[in-house]
Amino acid sequence: MQQITVLIVDDHALIREGIRKTLGLEERIKVLAEAANGKEAISICRTRQPDIVLLDINLPDITGVEVCRTIKQELPATEVIALTIHDQDEYIIEMIKNGIAAYLLKDISPDQLIDTILQVAEGKSFISPSLTAKIFNQLNKLSTKPPENRPWGLTDREIEVLRLVANGDSNKVIAGKLFISEKTVKNHLTNIFQKLNVSDRTQAALLAIKEKLVDI
């Protein structure tokens, strides 16, 4: 069994120890190293290339956003999970724009943390449910400028549906705006999820942001 290697990045030793003990309960996960600041985290990533980085946003030298940006630019195969106390819209959106795979608050349960790491290792994305509404509130402010191309093989209609999903619209609202039936909306969503290789609306919306299909 190949273990998932994890780098823990947090400036509080007690928190790092707690996370290490929690992850030690799962045999599929191996804590590769710990870092107390952003520069140390980047250095460790460059030399040891962990599968996943558990990253706090508030660090004593550079921000978690900068750390995430550097890691994803240099090591795109390394996934980043934000683990923080901050639930402000701007933090969430900035981290998403810079390539995080998941955004978690520090009040999550140990089981949820482990489960998220396992999901991310399989290529999935996750946002704490309590933060989803904040993301959709931001997405509601996005422009609806048409794309210059058709990413992921999506049709023009599927792109329209994806934008409305990113805006937080329900199937019924999407149907009304596009003058189609709810069944047709569901069919479009099935095709979109397959083409994007995602399993739900939130993951589809996050991917749309990352690939700049919608503007923030």
C-alpha atoms as a PDB file:
ATOM      1  CA  MET A   1       0.000   0.000   0.000  1.00  0.00           C
ATOM      2  CA  GLN A   2       1.400   3.351  -1.060  1.00  0.00           C
ATOM      3  CA  GLN A   3       0.850   5.938   1.658  1.00  0.00           C
ATOM      4  CA  ILE A   4      -0.295   9.504   1.065  1.00  0.00           C
ATOM      5  CA  THR A   5       2.503  11.810   2.202  1.00  0.00           C
ATOM      6  CA  VAL A   6       1.476  14.985   4.016  1.00  0.00           C
ATOM      7  CA  LEU A   7       3.299  18.170   5.009  1.00  0.00           C
ATOM      8  CA  ILE A   8       1.752  20.019   7.977  1.00  0.00           C
ATOM      9  CA  VAL A   9       2.233  23.801   7.878  1.00  0.00           C
ATOM     10  CA  ASP A  10       1.223  25.775  10.971  1.00  0.00           C
ATOM     11  CA  ASP A  11       3.120  28.193  13.196  1.00  0.00           C
ATOM     12  CA  HIS A  12       1.695  26.666  16.388  1.00  0.00           C
ATOM     13  CA  ALA A  13       3.585  23.586  17.579  1.00  0.00           C
ATOM     14  CA  LEU A  14       0.638  22.348  19.627  1.00  0.00           C
ATOM     15  CA  ILE A  15      -1.651  22.379  16.580  1.00  0.00           C
ATOM     16  CA  ARG A  16       0.945  20.589  14.451  1.00  0.00           C
ATOM     17  CA  GLU A  17       1.273  17.911  17.132  1.00  0.00           C
ATOM     18  CA  GLY A  18      -2.490  17.472  17.310  1.00  0.00           C
ATOM     19  CA  ILE A  19      -2.779  17.110  13.542  1.00  0.00           C
ATOM     20  CA  ARG A  20       0.116  14.659  13.456  1.00  0.00           C
ATOM     21  CA  LYS A  21      -1.540  12.481  16.109  1.00  0.00           C
ATOM     22  CA  THR A  22      -4.863  12.615  14.263  1.00  0.00           C
ATOM     23  CA  LEU A  23      -3.333  11.590  10.939  1.00  0.00           C
ATOM     24  CA  GLY A  24      -1.384   8.859  12.692  1.00  0.00           C
ATOM     25  CA  LEU A  25      -4.702   7.060  13.217  1.00  0.00           C
ATOM     26  CA  GLU A  26      -4.995   6.426   9.466  1.00  0.00           C
ATOM     27  CA  GLU A  27      -2.518   3.894   8.058  1.00  0.00           C
ATOM     28  CA  ARG A  28      -2.984   5.204   4.510  1.00  0.00           C
ATOM     29  CA  ILE A  29      -1.551   8.606   5.523  1.00  0.00           C
ATOM     30  CA  LYS A  30       2.055   9.394   6.418  1.00  0.00           C
ATOM     31  CA  VAL A  31       3.146  12.742   7.880  1.00  0.00           C
ATOM     32  CA  LEU A  32       6.259  13.487   5.870  1.00  0.00           C
ATOM     33  CA  ALA A  33       7.327  16.659   7.675  1.00  0.00           C
ATOM     34  CA  GLU A  34       6.201  19.792   9.531  1.00  0.00           C
ATOM     35  CA  ALA A  35       6.856  23.470   8.843  1.00  0.00           C
ATOM     36  CA  ALA A  36       6.362  26.470  11.127  1.00  0.00           C
ATOM     37  CA  ASN A  37       6.417  29.142   8.404  1.00  0.00           C
ATOM     38  CA  GLY A  38       5.851  29.676   4.714  1.00  0.00           C
ATOM     39  CA  LYS A  39       9.455  29.711   3.504  1.00  0.00           C
ATOM     40  CA  GLU A  40      10.190  26.481   5.344  1.00  0.00           C
ATOM     41  CA  ALA A  41       7.096  24.909   3.793  1.00  0.00           C
ATOM     42  CA  ILE A  42       8.161  25.855   0.268  1.00  0.00           C
ATOM     43  CA  SER A  43      11.674  24.556   0.868  1.00  0.00           C
ATOM     44  CA  ILE A  44      10.390  21.209   2.131  1.00  0.00           C
ATOM     45  CA  CYS A  45       8.028  20.905  -0.814  1.00  0.00           C
ATOM     46  CA  ARG A  46      10.857  21.511  -3.268  1.00  0.00           C
ATOM     47  CA  THR A  47      13.060  18.827  -1.742  1.00  0.00           C
ATOM     48  CA  ARG A  48      10.550  16.200  -0.576  1.00  0.00           C
ATOM     49  CA  GLN A  49       7.522  16.795  -2.827  1.00  0.00           C
ATOM     50  CA  PRO A  50       4.671  15.685  -0.547  1.00  0.00           C
ATOM     51  CA  ASP A  51       1.388  14.496  -2.025  1.00  0.00           C
ATOM     52  CA  ILE A  52      -0.608  16.948   0.096  1.00  0.00           C
ATOM     53  CA  VAL A  53       0.130  20.125   2.047  1.00  0.00           C
ATOM     54  CA  LEU A  54      -2.097  20.990   5.028  1.00  0.00           C
ATOM     55  CA  LEU A  55      -1.684  24.753   5.060  1.00  0.00           C
ATOM     56  CA  ASP A  56      -2.655  27.416   7.569  1.00  0.00           C
ATOM     57  CA  ILE A  57      -3.304  30.841   6.050  1.00  0.00           C
ATOM     58  CA  ASN A  58      -1.805  32.972   8.819  1.00  0.00           C
ATOM     59  CA  LEU A  59       1.937  32.394   8.896  1.00  0.00           C
ATOM     60  CA  PRO A  60       4.654  34.564  10.487  1.00  0.00           C
ATOM     61  CA  ASP A  61       6.620  35.299   7.311  1.00  0.00           C
ATOM     62  CA  ILE A  62       4.544  35.024   4.138  1.00  0.00           C
ATOM     63  CA  THR A  63       0.837  34.339   3.744  1.00  0.00           C
ATOM     64  CA  GLY A  64      -0.696  30.965   3.054  1.00  0.00           C
ATOM     65  CA  VAL A  65      -2.001  32.385  -0.225  1.00  0.00           C
ATOM     66  CA  GLU A  66       1.572  33.098  -1.371  1.00  0.00           C
ATOM     67  CA  VAL A  67       2.731  29.673  -0.220  1.00  0.00           C
ATOM     68  CA  CYS A  68      -0.117  27.997  -2.096  1.00  0.00           C
ATOM     69  CA  ARG A  69       0.599  29.990  -5.254  1.00  0.00           C
ATOM     70  CA  THR A  70       4.296  29.064  -5.218  1.00  0.00           C
ATOM     71  CA  ILE A  71       3.667  25.385  -4.532  1.00  0.00           C
ATOM     72  CA  LYS A  72       1.064  25.024  -7.279  1.00  0.00           C
ATOM     73  CA  GLN A  73       3.258  26.865  -9.787  1.00  0.00           C
ATOM     74  CA  GLU A  74       6.348  24.767  -9.060  1.00  0.00           C
ATOM     75  CA  LEU A  75       4.760  21.458  -8.069  1.00  0.00           C
ATOM     76  CA  PRO A  76       1.319  21.193  -9.679  1.00  0.00           C
ATOM     77  CA  ALA A  77       0.991  17.544  -8.640  1.00  0.00           C
ATOM     78  CA  THR A  78       1.139  18.514  -4.953  1.00  0.00           C
ATOM     79  CA  GLU A  79      -2.352  19.238  -3.644  1.00  0.00           C
ATOM     80  CA  VAL A  80      -2.976  21.962  -1.073  1.00  0.00           C
ATOM     81  CA  ILE A  81      -5.634  21.844   1.639  1.00  0.00           C
ATOM     82  CA  ALA A  82      -6.262  25.068   3.543  1.00  0.00           C
ATOM     83  CA  LEU A  83      -6.816  24.379   7.253  1.00  0.00           C
ATOM     84  CA  THR A  84      -7.618  27.641   8.985  1.00  0.00           C
ATOM     85  CA  ILE A  85      -9.823  29.588  11.379  1.00  0.00           C
ATOM     86  CA  HIS A  86     -10.694  32.141   8.674  1.00  0.00           C
ATOM     87  CA  ASP A  87     -14.070  31.930   6.958  1.00  0.00           C
ATOM     88  CA  GLN A  88     -14.023  35.315   5.215  1.00  0.00           C
ATOM     89  CA  ASP A  89     -15.038  35.345   1.551  1.00  0.00           C
ATOM     90  CA  GLU A  90     -11.808  36.944   0.374  1.00  0.00           C
ATOM     91  CA  TYR A  91      -9.611  34.234   1.895  1.00  0.00           C
ATOM     92  CA  ILE A  92     -11.705  31.435   0.426  1.00  0.00           C
ATOM     93  CA  ILE A  93     -11.816  32.920  -3.075  1.00  0.00           C
ATOM     94  CA  GLU A  94      -8.110  33.793  -3.129  1.00  0.00           C
ATOM     95  CA  MET A  95      -7.140  30.286  -2.085  1.00  0.00           C
ATOM     96  CA  ILE A  96      -9.447  28.775  -4.696  1.00  0.00           C
ATOM     97  CA  LYS A  97      -7.976  31.037  -7.381  1.00  0.00           C
ATOM     98  CA  ASN A  98      -4.501  29.841  -6.423  1.00  0.00           C
ATOM     99  CA  GLY A  99      -5.316  26.184  -6.756  1.00  0.00           C
ATOM    100  CA  ILE A 100      -6.351  24.666  -3.420  1.00  0.00           C
ATOM    101  CA  ALA A 101      -8.096  21.312  -3.502  1.00  0.00           C
ATOM    102  CA  ALA A 102      -9.986  21.825  -0.243  1.00  0.00           C
ATOM    103  CA  TYR A 103     -10.782  24.544   2.296  1.00  0.00           C
ATOM    104  CA  LEU A 104     -11.401  23.430   5.870  1.00  0.00           C
ATOM    105  CA  LEU A 105     -12.026  25.218   9.142  1.00  0.00           C
ATOM    106  CA  LYS A 106     -10.126  24.110  12.210  1.00  0.00           C
ATOM    107  CA  ASP A 107     -13.306  23.134  14.035  1.00  0.00           C
ATOM    108  CA  ILE A 108     -13.796  20.089  11.805  1.00  0.00           C
ATOM    109  CA  SER A 109     -13.716  16.622  13.325  1.00  0.00           C
ATOM    110  CA  PRO A 110     -10.658  14.377  13.067  1.00  0.00           C
ATOM    111  CA  ASP A 111     -12.641  11.969  10.894  1.00  0.00           C
ATOM    112  CA  GLN A 112     -13.567  14.764   8.482  1.00  0.00           C
ATOM    113  CA  LEU A 113      -9.946  15.847   8.190  1.00  0.00           C
ATOM    114  CA  ILE A 114      -8.807  12.329   7.382  1.00  0.00           C
ATOM    115  CA  ASP A 115     -11.685  11.780   4.955  1.00  0.00           C
ATOM    116  CA  THR A 116     -10.892  15.027   3.120  1.00  0.00           C
ATOM    117  CA  ILE A 117      -7.237  14.078   2.715  1.00  0.00           C
ATOM    118  CA  LEU A 118      -8.267  10.717   1.269  1.00  0.00           C
ATOM    119  CA  GLN A 119     -10.724  12.401  -1.114  1.00  0.00           C
ATOM    120  CA  VAL A 120      -8.178  14.954  -2.273  1.00  0.00           C
ATOM    121  CA  ALA A 121      -5.662  12.176  -2.886  1.00  0.00           C
ATOM    122  CA  GLU A 122      -8.235  10.694  -5.272  1.00  0.00           C
ATOM    123  CA  GLY A 123      -8.458  13.971  -7.183  1.00  0.00           C
ATOM    124  CA  LYS A 124     -11.608  15.362  -5.557  1.00  0.00           C
ATOM    125  CA  SER A 125     -12.248  18.826  -4.106  1.00  0.00           C
ATOM    126  CA  PHE A 126     -13.974  19.754  -0.869  1.00  0.00           C
ATOM    127  CA  ILE A 127     -15.212  22.911   0.835  1.00  0.00           C
ATOM    128  CA  SER A 128     -16.629  22.927   4.360  1.00  0.00           C
ATOM    129  CA  PRO A 129     -20.435  22.967   3.926  1.00  0.00           C
ATOM    130  CA  SER A 130     -20.712  26.026   6.172  1.00  0.00           C
ATOM    131  CA  LEU A 131     -18.655  27.990   3.622  1.00  0.00           C
ATOM    132  CA  THR A 132     -20.591  27.046   0.492  1.00  0.00           C
ATOM    133  CA  ALA A 133     -23.097  29.883   0.881  1.00  0.00           C
ATOM    134  CA  LYS A 134     -20.257  32.409   1.136  1.00  0.00           C
ATOM    135  CA  ILE A 135     -18.767  31.133  -2.113  1.00  0.00           C
ATOM    136  CA  PHE A 136     -22.084  31.322  -3.918  1.00  0.00           C
ATOM    137  CA  ASN A 137     -22.622  34.867  -2.634  1.00  0.00           C
ATOM    138  CA  GLN A 138     -19.352  35.844  -4.271  1.00  0.00           C
ATOM    139  CA  LEU A 139     -20.162  33.966  -7.447  1.00  0.00           C
ATOM    140  CA  ASN A 140     -23.436  35.844  -7.742  1.00  0.00           C
ATOM    141  CA  LYS A 141     -21.350  38.963  -8.398  1.00  0.00           C
ATOM    142  CA  LEU A 142     -19.454  37.417 -11.303  1.00  0.00           C
ATOM    143  CA  SER A 143     -19.692  38.719 -14.823  1.00  0.00           C
ATOM    144  CA  THR A 144     -21.342  36.623 -17.527  1.00  0.00           C
ATOM    145  CA  LYS A 145     -18.871  37.419 -20.291  1.00  0.00           C
ATOM    146  CA  PRO A 146     -18.914  34.672 -22.965  1.00  0.00           C
ATOM    147  CA  PRO A 147     -15.812  32.481 -23.088  1.00  0.00           C
ATOM    148  CA  GLU A 148     -13.377  32.778 -25.958  1.00  0.00           C
ATOM    149  CA  ASN A 149     -13.231  29.009 -26.311  1.00  0.00           C
ATOM    150  CA  ARG A 150     -14.997  25.884 -25.170  1.00  0.00           C
ATOM    151  CA  PRO A 151     -13.000  24.333 -22.317  1.00  0.00           C
ATOM    152  CA  TRP A 152     -13.243  20.608 -21.501  1.00  0.00           C
ATOM    153  CA  GLY A 153     -15.322  19.982 -24.631  1.00  0.00           C
ATOM    154  CA  LEU A 154     -18.377  21.727 -23.170  1.00  0.00           C
ATOM    155  CA  THR A 155     -21.053  22.982 -25.536  1.00  0.00           C
ATOM    156  CA  ASP A 156     -22.158  26.612 -25.418  1.00  0.00           C
ATOM    157  CA  ARG A 157     -25.339  25.560 -23.610  1.00  0.00           C
ATOM    158  CA  GLU A 158     -23.396  23.523 -21.051  1.00  0.00           C
ATOM    159  CA  ILE A 159     -21.178  26.543 -20.386  1.00  0.00           C
ATOM    160  CA  GLU A 160     -24.293  28.648 -19.788  1.00  0.00           C
ATOM    161  CA  VAL A 161     -25.605  26.045 -17.334  1.00  0.00           C
ATOM    162  CA  LEU A 162     -22.243  25.838 -15.576  1.00  0.00           C
ATOM    163  CA  ARG A 163     -22.152  29.608 -15.096  1.00  0.00           C
ATOM    164  CA  LEU A 164     -25.593  29.570 -13.525  1.00  0.00           C
ATOM    165  CA  VAL A 165     -24.579  26.666 -11.280  1.00  0.00           C
ATOM    166  CA  ALA A 166     -21.579  28.756 -10.200  1.00  0.00           C
ATOM    167  CA  ASN A 167     -23.998  31.574  -9.425  1.00  0.00           C
ATOM    168  CA  GLY A 168     -25.781  29.252  -6.994  1.00  0.00           C
ATOM    169  CA  ASP A 169     -28.959  28.937  -9.074  1.00  0.00           C
ATOM    170  CA  SER A 170     -31.204  25.904  -8.563  1.00  0.00           C
ATOM    171  CA  ASN A 171     -32.232  23.650 -11.444  1.00  0.00           C
ATOM    172  CA  LYS A 172     -35.645  25.322 -11.474  1.00  0.00           C
ATOM    173  CA  VAL A 173     -34.141  28.814 -11.712  1.00  0.00           C
ATOM    174  CA  ILE A 174     -31.708  27.706 -14.434  1.00  0.00           C
ATOM    175  CA  ALA A 175     -34.575  26.196 -16.395  1.00  0.00           C
ATOM    176  CA  GLY A 176     -36.487  29.462 -16.170  1.00  0.00           C
ATOM    177  CA  LYS A 177     -33.558  31.613 -17.234  1.00  0.00           C
ATOM    178  CA  LEU A 178     -32.684  29.412 -20.217  1.00  0.00           C
ATOM    179  CA  PHE A 179     -36.278  28.580 -21.170  1.00  0.00           C
ATOM    180  CA  ILE A 180     -35.739  24.837 -20.933  1.00  0.00           C
ATOM    181  CA  SER A 181     -37.198  22.089 -18.736  1.00  0.00           C
ATOM    182  CA  GLU A 182     -35.723  21.019 -15.411  1.00  0.00           C
ATOM    183  CA  LYS A 183     -35.183  17.561 -16.911  1.00  0.00           C
ATOM    184  CA  THR A 184     -33.058  19.142 -19.636  1.00  0.00           C
ATOM    185  CA  VAL A 185     -31.066  21.015 -16.981  1.00  0.00           C
ATOM    186  CA  LYS A 186     -30.416  17.717 -15.173  1.00  0.00           C
ATOM    187  CA  ASN A 187     -29.249  16.135 -18.429  1.00  0.00           C
ATOM    188  CA  HIS A 188     -26.863  19.034 -19.034  1.00  0.00           C
ATOM    189  CA  LEU A 189     -25.512  18.716 -15.477  1.00  0.00           C
ATOM    190  CA  THR A 190     -24.897  14.992 -15.939  1.00  0.00           C
ATOM    191  CA  ASN A 191     -22.867  15.747 -19.074  1.00  0.00           C
ATOM    192  CA  ILE A 192     -20.999  18.612 -17.371  1.00  0.00           C
ATOM    193  CA  PHE A 193     -20.045  16.503 -14.345  1.00  0.00           C
ATOM    194  CA  GLN A 194     -18.782  13.723 -16.629  1.00  0.00           C
ATOM    195  CA  LYS A 195     -16.725  16.076 -18.786  1.00  0.00           C
ATOM    196  CA  LEU A 196     -15.246  17.886 -15.777  1.00  0.00           C
ATOM    197  CA  ASN A 197     -14.780  14.613 -13.851  1.00  0.00           C
ATOM    198  CA  VAL A 198     -16.533  16.021 -10.772  1.00  0.00           C
ATOM    199  CA  SER A 199     -19.348  14.632  -8.656  1.00  0.00           C
ATOM    200  CA  ASP A 200     -21.346  17.649  -7.516  1.00  0.00           C
ATOM    201  CA  ARG A 201     -22.265  21.284  -8.153  1.00  0.00           C
ATOM    202  CA  THR A 202     -19.738  22.756  -5.718  1.00  0.00           C
ATOM    203  CA  GLN A 203     -16.825  20.936  -7.353  1.00  0.00           C
ATOM    204  CA  ALA A 204     -18.022  22.069 -10.784  1.00  0.00           C
ATOM    205  CA  ALA A 205     -18.220  25.691  -9.594  1.00  0.00           C
ATOM    206  CA  LEU A 206     -14.719  25.528  -8.075  1.00  0.00           C
ATOM    207  CA  LEU A 207     -13.266  24.145 -11.285  1.00  0.00           C
ATOM    208  CA  ALA A 208     -14.971  26.899 -13.267  1.00  0.00           C
ATOM    209  CA  ILE A 209     -13.262  29.485 -11.044  1.00  0.00           C
ATOM    210  CA  LYS A 210      -9.854  27.814 -11.264  1.00  0.00           C
ATOM    211  CA  GLU A 211      -9.989  27.636 -15.057  1.00  0.00           C
ATOM    212  CA  LYS A 212     -11.260  31.240 -15.261  1.00  0.00           C
ATOM    213  CA  LEU A 213     -14.478  30.313 -16.998  1.00  0.00           C
ATOM    214  CA  VAL A 214     -16.102  32.822 -14.653  1.00  0.00           C
ATOM    215  CA  ASP A 215     -14.466  36.096 -13.613  1.00  0.00           C
ATOM    216  CA  ILE A 216     -13.899  37.128 -10.009  1.00  0.00           C
END
